[in-house]
Amino acid sequence: MKNNHSNIYSFIKISLLIFSFLFVANNLHAQPPLPINIDNAPIDGGLSVLIASGIGYAIKRSYEKNRK
């Protein structure tokens, strides 16, 4: 009989924990909401690095292909 009560209490504790995480996570946001008027998106350094690495990879591939 005691084992049955401990299982019920464990289930209730776990259920409350899960529901509390669900309700708290609903109110958390990683970043503020976006502004309504978005005209242009800036091209930052990340895109420049990707373009430069792509150009470097293409040059390396063409150099290795011409070397053979």
PDB file of N, CA and C in Angstrom:
ATOM      1  N   MET A   1       0.819  -1.189   0.000  1.00  0.00           N
ATOM      2  CA  MET A   1       0.000   0.000   0.000  1.00  0.00           C
ATOM      3  C   MET A   1       0.865   1.257   0.000  1.00  0.00           C
ATOM      4  N   LYS A   2       1.952   1.228   0.740  1.00  0.00           N
ATOM      5  CA  LYS A   2       2.831   2.394   0.807  1.00  0.00           C
ATOM      6  C   LYS A   2       3.501   2.637  -0.550  1.00  0.00           C
ATOM      7  N   ASN A   3       3.831   1.591  -1.259  1.00  0.00           N
ATOM      8  CA  ASN A   3       4.470   1.724  -2.556  1.00  0.00           C
ATOM      9  C   ASN A   3       3.531   2.408  -3.551  1.00  0.00           C
ATOM     10  N   ASN A   4       2.252   2.112  -3.466  1.00  0.00           N
ATOM     11  CA  ASN A   4       1.269   2.720  -4.349  1.00  0.00           C
ATOM     12  C   ASN A   4       1.169   4.224  -4.101  1.00  0.00           C
ATOM     13  N   HIS A   5       1.186   4.637  -2.835  1.00  0.00           N
ATOM     14  CA  HIS A   5       1.128   6.058  -2.504  1.00  0.00           C
ATOM     15  C   HIS A   5       2.385   6.786  -2.969  1.00  0.00           C
ATOM     16  N   SER A   6       3.537   6.155  -2.836  1.00  0.00           N
ATOM     17  CA  SER A   6       4.773   6.812  -3.276  1.00  0.00           C
ATOM     18  C   SER A   6       4.798   6.955  -4.789  1.00  0.00           C
ATOM     19  N   ASN A   7       4.215   6.001  -5.513  1.00  0.00           N
ATOM     20  CA  ASN A   7       4.140   6.134  -6.971  1.00  0.00           C
ATOM     21  C   ASN A   7       3.224   7.280  -7.369  1.00  0.00           C
ATOM     22  N   ILE A   8       2.115   7.418  -6.658  1.00  0.00           N
ATOM     23  CA  ILE A   8       1.187   8.509  -6.959  1.00  0.00           C
ATOM     24  C   ILE A   8       1.843   9.855  -6.661  1.00  0.00           C
ATOM     25  N   TYR A   9       2.537   9.965  -5.530  1.00  0.00           N
ATOM     26  CA  TYR A   9       3.207  11.219  -5.185  1.00  0.00           C
ATOM     27  C   TYR A   9       4.329  11.527  -6.176  1.00  0.00           C
ATOM     28  N   SER A  10       5.030  10.515  -6.622  1.00  0.00           N
ATOM     29  CA  SER A  10       6.079  10.735  -7.624  1.00  0.00           C
ATOM     30  C   SER A  10       5.476  11.222  -8.933  1.00  0.00           C
ATOM     31  N   PHE A  11       4.365  10.620  -9.325  1.00  0.00           N
ATOM     32  CA  PHE A  11       3.693  11.040 -10.549  1.00  0.00           C
ATOM     33  C   PHE A  11       3.210  12.482 -10.441  1.00  0.00           C
ATOM     34  N   ILE A  12       2.655  12.841  -9.310  1.00  0.00           N
ATOM     35  CA  ILE A  12       2.171  14.206  -9.111  1.00  0.00           C
ATOM     36  C   ILE A  12       3.328  15.196  -9.130  1.00  0.00           C
ATOM     37  N   LYS A  13       4.430  14.858  -8.492  1.00  0.00           N
ATOM     38  CA  LYS A  13       5.599  15.749  -8.481  1.00  0.00           C
ATOM     39  C   LYS A  13       6.140  15.954  -9.889  1.00  0.00           C
ATOM     40  N   ILE A  14       6.267  14.870 -10.636  1.00  0.00           N
ATOM     41  CA  ILE A  14       6.798  14.971 -11.994  1.00  0.00           C
ATOM     42  C   ILE A  14       5.835  15.743 -12.882  1.00  0.00           C
ATOM     43  N   SER A  15       4.536  15.502 -12.721  1.00  0.00           N
ATOM     44  CA  SER A  15       3.538  16.225 -13.525  1.00  0.00           C
ATOM     45  C   SER A  15       3.572  17.722 -13.234  1.00  0.00           C
ATOM     46  N   LEU A  16       3.646  18.084 -11.965  1.00  0.00           N
ATOM     47  CA  LEU A  16       3.723  19.504 -11.607  1.00  0.00           C
ATOM     48  C   LEU A  16       4.995  20.144 -12.139  1.00  0.00           C
ATOM     49  N   LEU A  17       6.081  19.412 -12.094  1.00  0.00           N
ATOM     50  CA  LEU A  17       7.343  19.933 -12.614  1.00  0.00           C
ATOM     51  C   LEU A  17       7.265  20.170 -14.115  1.00  0.00           C
ATOM     52  N   ILE A  18       6.712  19.222 -14.840  1.00  0.00           N
ATOM     53  CA  ILE A  18       6.593  19.363 -16.295  1.00  0.00           C
ATOM     54  C   ILE A  18       5.659  20.515 -16.647  1.00  0.00           C
ATOM     55  N   PHE A  19       4.504  20.591 -15.997  1.00  0.00           N
ATOM     56  CA  PHE A  19       3.572  21.678 -16.294  1.00  0.00           C
ATOM     57  C   PHE A  19       4.148  23.037 -15.925  1.00  0.00           C
ATOM     58  N   SER A  20       4.903  23.103 -14.831  1.00  0.00           N
ATOM     59  CA  SER A  20       5.496  24.386 -14.470  1.00  0.00           C
ATOM     60  C   SER A  20       6.539  24.811 -15.502  1.00  0.00           C
ATOM     61  N   PHE A  21       7.318  23.865 -16.027  1.00  0.00           N
ATOM     62  CA  PHE A  21       8.274  24.208 -17.077  1.00  0.00           C
ATOM     63  C   PHE A  21       7.570  24.668 -18.341  1.00  0.00           C
ATOM     64  N   LEU A  22       6.457  24.032 -18.667  1.00  0.00           N
ATOM     65  CA  LEU A  22       5.724  24.427 -19.870  1.00  0.00           C
ATOM     66  C   LEU A  22       5.156  25.842 -19.742  1.00  0.00           C
ATOM     67  N   PHE A  23       4.597  26.170 -18.594  1.00  0.00           N
ATOM     68  CA  PHE A  23       4.014  27.495 -18.430  1.00  0.00           C
ATOM     69  C   PHE A  23       5.080  28.569 -18.295  1.00  0.00           C
ATOM     70  N   VAL A  24       6.190  28.272 -17.669  1.00  0.00           N
ATOM     71  CA  VAL A  24       7.259  29.263 -17.533  1.00  0.00           C
ATOM     72  C   VAL A  24       7.948  29.468 -18.874  1.00  0.00           C
ATOM     73  N   ALA A  25       8.163  28.399 -19.625  1.00  0.00           N
ATOM     74  CA  ALA A  25       8.839  28.514 -20.913  1.00  0.00           C
ATOM     75  C   ALA A  25       8.004  29.314 -21.905  1.00  0.00           C
ATOM     76  N   ASN A  26       6.712  29.327 -21.732  1.00  0.00           N
ATOM     77  CA  ASN A  26       5.856  30.091 -22.625  1.00  0.00           C
ATOM     78  C   ASN A  26       6.098  31.594 -22.465  1.00  0.00           C
ATOM     79  N   ASN A  27       6.508  32.035 -21.295  1.00  0.00           N
ATOM     80  CA  ASN A  27       6.719  33.457 -21.037  1.00  0.00           C
ATOM     81  C   ASN A  27       8.153  33.909 -21.284  1.00  0.00           C
ATOM     82  N   LEU A  28       9.067  33.002 -21.511  1.00  0.00           N
ATOM     83  CA  LEU A  28      10.461  33.357 -21.739  1.00  0.00           C
ATOM     84  C   LEU A  28      10.712  33.576 -23.224  1.00  0.00           C
ATOM     85  N   HIS A  29      11.513  34.583 -23.525  1.00  0.00           N
ATOM     86  CA  HIS A  29      11.871  34.872 -24.907  1.00  0.00           C
ATOM     87  C   HIS A  29      13.375  35.104 -24.964  1.00  0.00           C
ATOM     88  N   ALA A  30      14.003  34.607 -26.011  1.00  0.00           N
ATOM     89  CA  ALA A  30      15.451  34.738 -26.145  1.00  0.00           C
ATOM     90  C   ALA A  30      15.852  36.134 -26.605  1.00  0.00           C
ATOM     91  N   GLN A  31      14.995  36.789 -27.346  1.00  0.00           N
ATOM     92  CA  GLN A  31      15.309  38.120 -27.839  1.00  0.00           C
ATOM     93  C   GLN A  31      14.027  38.937 -27.908  1.00  0.00           C
ATOM     94  N   PRO A  32      14.165  40.248 -27.940  1.00  0.00           N
ATOM     95  CA  PRO A  32      12.950  41.069 -28.005  1.00  0.00           C
ATOM     96  C   PRO A  32      12.257  40.888 -29.350  1.00  0.00           C
ATOM     97  N   PRO A  33      10.990  41.230 -29.430  1.00  0.00           N
ATOM     98  CA  PRO A  33      10.276  41.093 -30.706  1.00  0.00           C
ATOM     99  C   PRO A  33      10.848  42.042 -31.756  1.00  0.00           C
ATOM    100  N   LEU A  34      10.688  41.648 -33.004  1.00  0.00           N
ATOM    101  CA  LEU A  34      11.202  42.456 -34.108  1.00  0.00           C
ATOM    102  C   LEU A  34      10.375  43.717 -34.282  1.00  0.00           C
ATOM    103  N   PRO A  35      11.014  44.802 -34.738  1.00  0.00           N
ATOM    104  CA  PRO A  35      10.245  46.026 -35.001  1.00  0.00           C
ATOM    105  C   PRO A  35       9.289  45.800 -36.173  1.00  0.00           C
ATOM    106  N   ILE A  36       8.255  46.599 -36.226  1.00  0.00           N
ATOM    107  CA  ILE A  36       7.231  46.414 -37.248  1.00  0.00           C
ATOM    108  C   ILE A  36       7.749  46.792 -38.632  1.00  0.00           C
ATOM    109  N   ASN A  37       8.458  47.900 -38.740  1.00  0.00           N
ATOM    110  CA  ASN A  37       8.958  48.365 -40.042  1.00  0.00           C
ATOM    111  C   ASN A  37      10.376  47.863 -40.268  1.00  0.00           C
ATOM    112  N   ILE A  38      10.513  46.835 -41.073  1.00  0.00           N
ATOM    113  CA  ILE A  38      11.831  46.323 -41.437  1.00  0.00           C
ATOM    114  C   ILE A  38      12.033  46.641 -42.913  1.00  0.00           C
ATOM    115  N   ASP A  39      12.880  47.622 -43.184  1.00  0.00           N
ATOM    116  CA  ASP A  39      13.104  48.013 -44.575  1.00  0.00           C
ATOM    117  C   ASP A  39      14.226  47.195 -45.208  1.00  0.00           C
ATOM    118  N   ASN A  40      15.380  47.213 -44.593  1.00  0.00           N
ATOM    119  CA  ASN A  40      16.533  46.505 -45.143  1.00  0.00           C
ATOM    120  C   ASN A  40      17.221  45.723 -44.042  1.00  0.00           C
ATOM    121  N   ALA A  41      17.696  44.554 -44.392  1.00  0.00           N
ATOM    122  CA  ALA A  41      18.473  43.761 -43.449  1.00  0.00           C
ATOM    123  C   ALA A  41      19.948  44.005 -43.740  1.00  0.00           C
ATOM    124  N   PRO A  42      20.744  44.319 -42.743  1.00  0.00           N
ATOM    125  CA  PRO A  42      22.161  44.592 -42.999  1.00  0.00           C
ATOM    126  C   PRO A  42      22.922  43.307 -43.324  1.00  0.00           C
ATOM    127  N   ILE A  43      23.905  43.441 -44.183  1.00  0.00           N
ATOM    128  CA  ILE A  43      24.803  42.324 -44.487  1.00  0.00           C
ATOM    129  C   ILE A  43      25.965  42.460 -43.521  1.00  0.00           C
ATOM    130  N   ASP A  44      26.029  41.561 -42.579  1.00  0.00           N
ATOM    131  CA  ASP A  44      27.049  41.689 -41.541  1.00  0.00           C
ATOM    132  C   ASP A  44      28.292  40.893 -41.902  1.00  0.00           C
ATOM    133  N   GLY A  45      29.204  40.786 -40.975  1.00  0.00           N
ATOM    134  CA  GLY A  45      30.482  40.128 -41.201  1.00  0.00           C
ATOM    135  C   GLY A  45      30.358  38.640 -41.475  1.00  0.00           C
ATOM    136  N   GLY A  46      29.318  37.998 -40.974  1.00  0.00           N
ATOM    137  CA  GLY A  46      29.164  36.561 -41.173  1.00  0.00           C
ATOM    138  C   GLY A  46      28.987  36.201 -42.632  1.00  0.00           C
ATOM    139  N   LEU A  47      28.180  36.970 -43.336  1.00  0.00           N
ATOM    140  CA  LEU A  47      27.977  36.707 -44.758  1.00  0.00           C
ATOM    141  C   LEU A  47      29.251  36.974 -45.547  1.00  0.00           C
ATOM    142  N   SER A  48      29.996  37.992 -45.161  1.00  0.00           N
ATOM    143  CA  SER A  48      31.269  38.285 -45.835  1.00  0.00           C
ATOM    144  C   SER A  48      32.265  37.143 -45.643  1.00  0.00           C
ATOM    145  N   VAL A  49      32.299  36.583 -44.446  1.00  0.00           N
ATOM    146  CA  VAL A  49      33.204  35.451 -44.185  1.00  0.00           C
ATOM    147  C   VAL A  49      32.794  34.241 -45.010  1.00  0.00           C
ATOM    148  N   LEU A  50      31.494  33.977 -45.135  1.00  0.00           N
ATOM    149  CA  LEU A  50      31.036  32.846 -45.945  1.00  0.00           C
ATOM    150  C   LEU A  50      31.387  33.032 -47.417  1.00  0.00           C
ATOM    151  N   ILE A  51      31.231  34.238 -47.924  1.00  0.00           N
ATOM    152  CA  ILE A  51      31.577  34.504 -49.325  1.00  0.00           C
ATOM    153  C   ILE A  51      33.078  34.354 -49.540  1.00  0.00           C
ATOM    154  N   ALA A  52      33.877  34.891 -48.619  1.00  0.00           N
ATOM    155  CA  ALA A  52      35.333  34.796 -48.752  1.00  0.00           C
ATOM    156  C   ALA A  52      35.796  33.347 -48.668  1.00  0.00           C
ATOM    157  N   SER A  53      35.203  32.559 -47.771  1.00  0.00           N
ATOM    158  CA  SER A  53      35.615  31.155 -47.667  1.00  0.00           C
ATOM    159  C   SER A  53      35.192  30.380 -48.906  1.00  0.00           C
ATOM    160  N   GLY A  54      34.050  30.707 -49.497  1.00  0.00           N
ATOM    161  CA  GLY A  54      33.621  30.048 -50.731  1.00  0.00           C
ATOM    162  C   GLY A  54      34.550  30.367 -51.885  1.00  0.00           C
ATOM    163  N   ILE A  55      34.973  31.618 -51.975  1.00  0.00           N
ATOM    164  CA  ILE A  55      35.917  32.001 -53.033  1.00  0.00           C
ATOM    165  C   ILE A  55      37.257  31.302 -52.827  1.00  0.00           C
ATOM    166  N   GLY A  56      37.707  31.253 -51.576  1.00  0.00           N
ATOM    167  CA  GLY A  56      38.966  30.561 -51.289  1.00  0.00           C
ATOM    168  C   GLY A  56      38.896  29.082 -51.608  1.00  0.00           C
ATOM    169  N   TYR A  57      37.780  28.450 -51.304  1.00  0.00           N
ATOM    170  CA  TYR A  57      37.611  27.023 -51.606  1.00  0.00           C
ATOM    171  C   TYR A  57      37.586  26.784 -53.114  1.00  0.00           C
ATOM    172  N   ALA A  58      36.923  27.682 -53.856  1.00  0.00           N
ATOM    173  CA  ALA A  58      36.883  27.545 -55.315  1.00  0.00           C
ATOM    174  C   ALA A  58      38.270  27.702 -55.919  1.00  0.00           C
ATOM    175  N   ILE A  59      39.049  28.634 -55.399  1.00  0.00           N
ATOM    176  CA  ILE A  59      40.418  28.823 -55.895  1.00  0.00           C
ATOM    177  C   ILE A  59      41.264  27.589 -55.586  1.00  0.00           C
ATOM    178  N   LYS A  60      41.129  27.049 -54.396  1.00  0.00           N
ATOM    179  CA  LYS A  60      41.889  25.852 -54.019  1.00  0.00           C
ATOM    180  C   LYS A  60      41.526  24.673 -54.914  1.00  0.00           C
ATOM    181  N   ARG A  61      40.222  24.496 -55.166  1.00  0.00           N
ATOM    182  CA  ARG A  61      39.792  23.375 -56.020  1.00  0.00           C
ATOM    183  C   ARG A  61      40.311  23.533 -57.442  1.00  0.00           C
ATOM    184  N   SER A  62      40.256  24.740 -57.990  1.00  0.00           N
ATOM    185  CA  SER A  62      40.739  24.943 -59.358  1.00  0.00           C
ATOM    186  C   SER A  62      42.258  24.779 -59.428  1.00  0.00           C
ATOM    187  N   TYR A  63      42.968  25.189 -58.379  1.00  0.00           N
ATOM    188  CA  TYR A  63      44.425  25.014 -58.347  1.00  0.00           C
ATOM    189  C   TYR A  63      44.772  23.528 -58.310  1.00  0.00           C
ATOM    190  N   GLU A  64      44.077  22.753 -57.476  1.00  0.00           N
ATOM    191  CA  GLU A  64      44.346  21.312 -57.393  1.00  0.00           C
ATOM    192  C   GLU A  64      43.959  20.603 -58.693  1.00  0.00           C
ATOM    193  N   LYS A  65      42.887  21.045 -59.349  1.00  0.00           N
ATOM    194  CA  LYS A  65      42.460  20.427 -60.594  1.00  0.00           C
ATOM    195  C   LYS A  65      43.468  20.711 -61.710  1.00  0.00           C
ATOM    196  N   ASN A  66      44.011  21.943 -61.762  1.00  0.00           N
ATOM    197  CA  ASN A  66      44.976  22.292 -62.788  1.00  0.00           C
ATOM    198  C   ASN A  66      46.339  21.666 -62.521  1.00  0.00           C
ATOM    199  N   ARG A  67      46.599  21.339 -61.273  1.00  0.00           N
ATOM    200  CA  ARG A  67      47.894  20.762 -60.902  1.00  0.00           C
ATOM    201  C   ARG A  67      48.042  19.325 -61.376  1.00  0.00           C
ATOM    202  N   LYS A  68      46.942  18.599 -61.500  1.00  0.00           N
ATOM    203  CA  LYS A  68      46.982  17.194 -61.897  1.00  0.00           C
ATOM    204  C   LYS A  68      47.256  17.011 -63.336  1.00  0.00           C
TER     205      LYS A  68
END
